[in-house]
Protein backbone atom coordinates (compact mmCIF):
# COMPACT_ATOMS: atom_id res chain seq x y z
CA MET A 1 150.93 101.76 115.34
CA ALA A 2 152.99 105.11 114.70
CA ILE A 3 153.02 108.05 117.04
CA SER A 4 152.88 111.43 115.23
CA ILE A 5 154.66 114.53 116.89
CA GLY A 6 153.80 118.08 115.76
CA HIS A 7 156.33 120.85 116.01
CA LEU A 8 157.28 124.20 114.56
CA GLY A 9 158.97 123.47 111.21
CA PRO A 10 160.53 123.31 108.72
CA SER A 11 163.39 120.90 109.85
CA GLY A 12 166.14 122.40 111.70
CA THR A 13 164.11 124.48 114.30
CA TYR A 14 164.75 124.21 117.97
CA SER A 15 161.29 122.78 118.32
CA GLU A 16 162.44 119.97 116.17
CA GLN A 17 165.46 119.44 118.17
CA ALA A 18 163.32 119.20 121.41
CA ALA A 19 160.85 116.82 119.66
CA SER A 20 163.71 114.73 118.41
CA PHE A 21 165.22 114.46 121.94
CA TYR A 22 161.87 113.29 123.29
CA VAL A 23 161.57 110.64 120.72
CA SER A 24 165.02 109.37 121.37
CA LYS A 25 164.50 109.45 125.23
CA PHE A 26 161.03 108.28 125.58
CA LEU A 27 159.88 106.54 122.27
CA PRO A 28 162.77 104.26 121.19
CA GLN A 29 162.41 103.43 117.52
CA SER A 30 162.89 99.72 118.29
CA GLN A 31 159.53 99.75 120.08
CA THR A 32 157.51 102.63 118.45
CA GLU A 33 157.53 104.21 115.03
CA THR A 34 157.38 107.97 115.34
CA ILE A 35 156.60 110.56 112.74
CA LEU A 36 157.70 114.18 113.15
CA CYS A 37 155.23 116.62 111.67
CA PRO A 38 156.43 120.21 111.04
CA TYR A 39 153.81 122.98 110.95
CA SER A 40 154.50 126.56 109.84
CA SER A 41 153.49 128.22 113.16
CA ILE A 42 153.10 127.39 116.75
CA ALA A 43 149.35 128.13 116.56
CA LYS A 44 148.91 125.52 113.58
CA THR A 45 150.98 123.05 115.63
CA LEU A 46 148.65 123.46 118.83
CA LYS A 47 145.54 123.45 116.57
CA ALA A 48 146.89 120.05 115.07
CA ILE A 49 147.20 118.27 118.59
CA ALA A 50 143.81 119.81 119.79
CA SER A 51 141.98 118.45 116.78
CA GLY A 52 143.63 115.05 116.92
CA GLU A 53 145.65 115.43 113.68
CA VAL A 54 148.66 114.47 115.59
CA ASP A 55 149.24 112.38 118.75
CA LEU A 56 151.54 114.81 120.56
CA ALA A 57 153.06 118.32 120.03
CA VAL A 58 156.22 119.91 121.31
CA VAL A 59 155.92 123.79 121.65
CA PRO A 60 158.06 126.33 123.25
CA VAL A 61 156.57 128.05 126.32
CA GLU A 62 159.34 130.23 127.96
CA ASN A 63 162.75 131.62 126.98
CA ALA A 64 165.39 132.51 129.65
CA ILE A 65 166.14 135.91 128.01
CA GLU A 66 162.76 136.88 126.43
CA GLY A 67 160.23 135.29 128.74
CA SER A 68 157.08 133.56 127.96
CA ILE A 69 155.77 132.57 124.46
CA ALA A 70 152.47 134.40 124.44
CA ILE A 71 150.84 132.22 121.68
CA THR A 72 151.49 129.16 123.51
CA LEU A 73 149.85 130.41 126.67
CA ASP A 74 146.92 131.90 124.88
CA MET A 75 146.13 128.83 122.96
CA LEU A 76 146.53 126.62 125.85
CA TRP A 77 143.79 128.55 127.47
CA GLN A 78 141.56 128.65 124.39
CA LEU A 79 141.95 124.89 123.51
CA ASP A 80 140.39 123.06 126.39
CA ASN A 81 141.70 119.60 125.64
CA LEU A 82 145.43 120.20 125.75
CA ARG A 83 147.44 118.54 128.55
CA ILE A 84 151.08 118.78 129.55
CA LYS A 85 153.04 115.50 129.62
CA LEU A 86 156.63 116.68 130.16
CA ALA A 87 158.77 119.83 130.13
CA LEU A 88 162.03 119.89 128.29
CA VAL A 89 164.63 122.68 128.75
CA LEU A 90 166.91 123.11 125.66
CA PRO A 91 170.07 125.35 125.52
CA ILE A 92 169.74 127.71 122.71
CA ALA A 93 173.02 128.76 120.84
CA ASN A 94 171.98 131.15 118.08
CA ALA A 95 174.27 131.69 115.08
CA LEU A 96 174.42 134.01 112.25
CA LEU A 97 174.16 132.08 108.97
CA SER A 98 174.78 133.52 105.51
CA ASN A 99 176.27 132.79 102.05
CA ALA A 100 177.95 136.32 102.29
CA GLN A 101 181.69 136.45 102.59
CA SER A 102 181.49 138.96 105.55
CA ILE A 103 179.01 140.41 107.99
CA THR A 104 179.98 143.81 106.48
CA THR A 105 178.00 143.06 103.26
CA LEU A 106 174.80 142.07 105.02
CA GLU A 107 171.80 144.27 104.44
CA THR A 108 169.09 142.08 105.84
CA VAL A 109 168.85 139.59 108.72
CA TYR A 110 165.95 137.13 109.03
CA SER A 111 164.80 135.11 111.91
CA HIS A 112 161.77 134.19 114.22
CA PRO A 113 160.86 137.17 116.62
CA GLN A 114 162.31 135.37 119.58
CA PRO A 115 166.00 134.95 118.30
CA LEU A 116 165.88 138.52 117.02
CA ALA A 117 165.07 139.55 120.50
CA GLN A 118 167.59 137.30 122.11
CA CYS A 119 170.37 138.68 119.95
CA GLN A 120 169.27 142.27 119.92
CA GLY A 121 172.23 143.65 121.77
CA TRP A 122 174.72 141.99 119.37
CA LEU A 123 172.81 143.13 116.34
CA GLU A 124 172.80 146.63 117.48
CA GLN A 125 176.48 146.58 118.16
CA HIS A 126 177.68 144.64 115.05
CA LEU A 127 174.96 145.22 112.39
CA PRO A 128 173.35 148.49 113.36
CA ASN A 129 172.09 149.40 109.99
CA VAL A 130 170.72 146.03 108.72
CA LYS A 131 167.06 145.46 108.22
CA LEU A 132 165.60 142.95 110.67
CA ILE A 133 162.72 140.85 109.06
CA ALA A 134 160.63 138.37 111.23
CA THR A 135 159.81 134.93 110.03
CA ASN A 136 157.63 132.13 111.20
CA SER A 137 160.59 130.04 112.26
CA THR A 138 164.37 130.07 112.43
CA THR A 139 164.44 127.47 109.62
CA GLU A 140 162.17 129.61 107.40
CA ALA A 141 164.75 132.31 107.77
CA VAL A 142 167.54 129.99 106.44
CA GLU A 143 165.50 129.31 103.35
CA LYS A 144 165.39 133.02 102.40
CA LEU A 145 169.20 133.02 102.07
CA ASN A 146 169.45 131.34 98.79
CA LEU A 147 167.34 134.19 97.23
CA ASP A 148 169.50 137.12 98.67
CA PRO A 149 173.27 136.95 98.81
CA LYS A 150 173.30 139.99 101.15
CA ALA A 151 171.06 138.34 103.66
CA GLY A 152 171.81 136.62 106.86
CA ALA A 153 169.71 134.37 109.25
CA ILE A 154 169.74 133.79 112.92
CA SER A 155 169.27 130.15 113.32
CA SER A 156 170.81 126.97 114.96
CA PRO A 157 174.26 125.42 114.05
CA ARG A 158 172.22 122.27 113.13
CA ALA A 159 170.09 124.26 110.63
CA ALA A 160 173.48 125.34 109.02
CA GLN A 161 174.44 121.77 108.64
CA LEU A 162 171.05 120.54 107.28
CA TYR A 163 170.89 123.36 104.72
CA ASN A 164 174.54 123.60 103.97
CA VAL A 165 174.85 127.26 104.82
CA PRO A 166 178.10 128.66 106.32
CA ILE A 167 178.01 130.04 109.93
CA LEU A 168 179.37 133.58 109.92
CA VAL A 169 179.26 134.19 113.57
CA ASP A 170 178.57 131.58 116.14
CA SER A 171 177.07 132.12 119.56
CA ILE A 172 175.49 135.49 119.21
CA ASN A 173 173.09 135.38 122.12
CA ASP A 174 173.12 138.54 124.31
CA TYR A 175 173.56 136.24 127.39
CA ALA A 176 175.41 133.12 127.40
CA ASP A 177 173.06 131.16 129.58
CA ASN A 178 170.25 130.99 126.99
CA CYS A 179 167.63 128.16 127.16
CA THR A 180 164.07 127.58 126.15
CA ARG A 181 161.44 125.46 128.00
CA PHE A 182 159.29 123.28 125.80
CA TRP A 183 156.17 121.46 126.64
CA VAL A 184 155.33 118.01 125.27
CA LEU A 185 151.49 118.19 125.00
CA SER A 186 148.73 115.53 124.40
CA SER A 187 145.00 115.87 124.04
CA THR A 188 144.33 112.75 126.14
CA GLU A 189 143.73 112.23 129.90
CA GLN A 190 145.83 114.64 131.94
CA SER A 191 148.70 113.49 134.02
CA VAL A 192 148.51 113.57 137.92
CA THR A 193 151.96 113.08 138.97
CA GLY A 194 155.29 114.85 138.36
CA THR A 195 157.37 117.61 139.92
CA HIS A 196 155.40 120.40 138.62
CA THR A 197 151.76 121.24 138.05
CA SER A 198 150.52 123.96 135.61
CA LEU A 199 147.22 125.82 135.86
CA ALA A 200 145.57 128.99 134.86
CA PHE A 201 142.61 130.88 136.13
CA SER A 202 140.40 133.99 135.49
CA THR A 203 139.23 135.98 138.66
CA LYS A 204 135.54 136.69 139.33
CA ALA A 205 135.98 140.54 139.27
CA ASN A 206 138.84 143.11 138.76
CA VAL A 207 138.65 144.27 142.47
CA PRO A 208 141.23 144.50 145.10
CA GLY A 209 142.34 141.14 146.49
CA ALA A 210 141.05 139.31 143.37
CA LEU A 211 144.61 137.83 142.80
CA VAL A 212 145.88 137.90 146.31
CA LYS A 213 143.25 135.46 147.70
CA PRO A 214 144.13 132.62 144.95
CA LEU A 215 147.81 133.14 145.74
CA GLN A 216 147.29 132.84 149.47
CA ALA A 217 145.45 129.55 149.13
CA ILE A 218 148.74 128.28 147.68
CA ALA A 219 151.23 130.12 149.87
CA GLN A 220 149.46 129.18 153.20
CA ARG A 221 150.02 125.57 152.33
CA LYS A 222 153.82 126.18 151.69
CA ILE A 223 153.59 125.18 148.05
CA ASN A 224 156.24 126.94 146.06
CA LEU A 225 155.28 128.75 142.77
CA SER A 226 157.98 128.48 140.11
CA ARG A 227 156.19 130.77 137.68
CA VAL A 228 153.42 133.36 137.57
CA GLU A 229 152.46 134.82 134.31
CA SER A 230 149.54 137.21 133.27
CA ARG A 231 147.93 137.34 129.98
CA PRO A 232 145.20 139.66 128.62
CA SER A 233 141.78 137.71 128.59
CA LYS A 234 140.96 139.58 125.39
CA ARG A 235 137.52 140.35 126.90
CA SER A 236 138.19 143.94 127.92
CA LEU A 237 141.15 146.19 128.78
CA GLY A 238 142.60 145.49 132.12
CA ASP A 239 140.94 141.94 132.33
CA TYR A 240 143.75 139.29 132.74
CA LEU A 241 144.20 135.52 132.97
CA PHE A 242 146.79 134.16 135.37
CA PHE A 243 149.07 131.16 134.61
CA LEU A 244 150.88 129.39 137.49
CA ASP A 245 153.36 126.58 137.78
CA LEU A 246 153.39 124.87 141.22
CA GLU A 247 156.13 122.69 142.57
CA GLY A 248 154.23 119.41 143.30
CA ASP A 249 151.57 117.19 141.66
CA THR A 250 147.76 116.92 141.95
CA THR A 251 148.17 113.69 144.19
CA SER A 252 149.60 115.78 146.91
CA PRO A 253 146.98 116.53 149.61
CA ALA A 254 148.35 120.19 149.90
CA VAL A 255 147.91 120.69 146.11
CA GLN A 256 144.60 119.15 146.16
CA ALA A 257 143.43 121.32 148.95
CA ALA A 258 144.73 124.50 147.42
CA ILE A 259 143.10 123.70 144.10
CA SER A 260 139.81 123.05 145.97
CA GLU A 261 140.08 126.48 147.54
CA LEU A 262 141.00 128.17 144.30
CA THR A 263 137.62 127.23 142.86
CA ALA A 264 135.97 129.51 145.36
CA TYR A 265 138.05 132.59 144.22
CA THR A 266 138.17 131.99 140.57
CA GLU A 267 135.76 132.35 137.70
CA THR A 268 137.30 129.71 135.54
CA LEU A 269 140.07 127.27 136.67
CA LYS A 270 141.96 125.01 134.35
CA ILE A 271 144.30 122.36 135.41
CA PHE A 272 146.71 121.30 132.55
CA GLY A 273 148.30 118.44 134.28
CA SER A 274 151.37 117.38 136.47
CA TYR A 275 154.70 116.62 134.90
CA ASP A 276 158.40 116.15 135.27
CA LEU A 277 160.97 118.75 134.03
CA LEU A 278 164.09 117.56 132.21
CA SER A 279 167.02 119.57 131.14
CA LEU A 280 168.58 118.45 127.98
């Protein structure tokens, strides 16, 4: 039986690179047939795994420069059946691709909002007058280049090879240590073992101490928090959801006790699973 894996497409995106690594490392072709399924947005990718259209999905969740990917967190909360199997950290080396002879002739640069933000300083210094246009993915940006000889795209060196587009300038990240964390998601039973556990909760009321008490339930058991993120609940202004990554898994007595206490302080508590984190 084939395993289908959804990711942000078309071919050549960083999401596809992360998905391909997962396949090569954990789903060897000699044992399992795999099908990579590109989607035009992260939202459509997540809806596909939630509905059972694909077996797994690989989506970005956090970038070292620009922080969390809001749509991933928001939909993880909204779609109740998504579970994290693994986290993958992929180095990101953005390049400027174009059919133009020189960057001096460029009038427009396309890319996904994340790479545009990750290269903002470089763009302001070297291309201060170009028009920046957001696309659904870095590969969609590359597809624009055949229509406009004065356009450039920020994408991956792999996309340049796949679509036979020259690299005008390599490595244009504002910071050298640029990487993105991806989650491999399923809609089946949640994993209970791994180095990290992710959860999210809403508080019972927007009052003093509403967040302190849940955090104290974790801190007093000496559980390290590797990430804390707030997102608007979309119910009312000033009402937030909180996403936490813990170091430890749900088989740990300390984590189990903390989760048990959290239920007393939270309105809704969702456990997304325990998983390992792997750097590519």
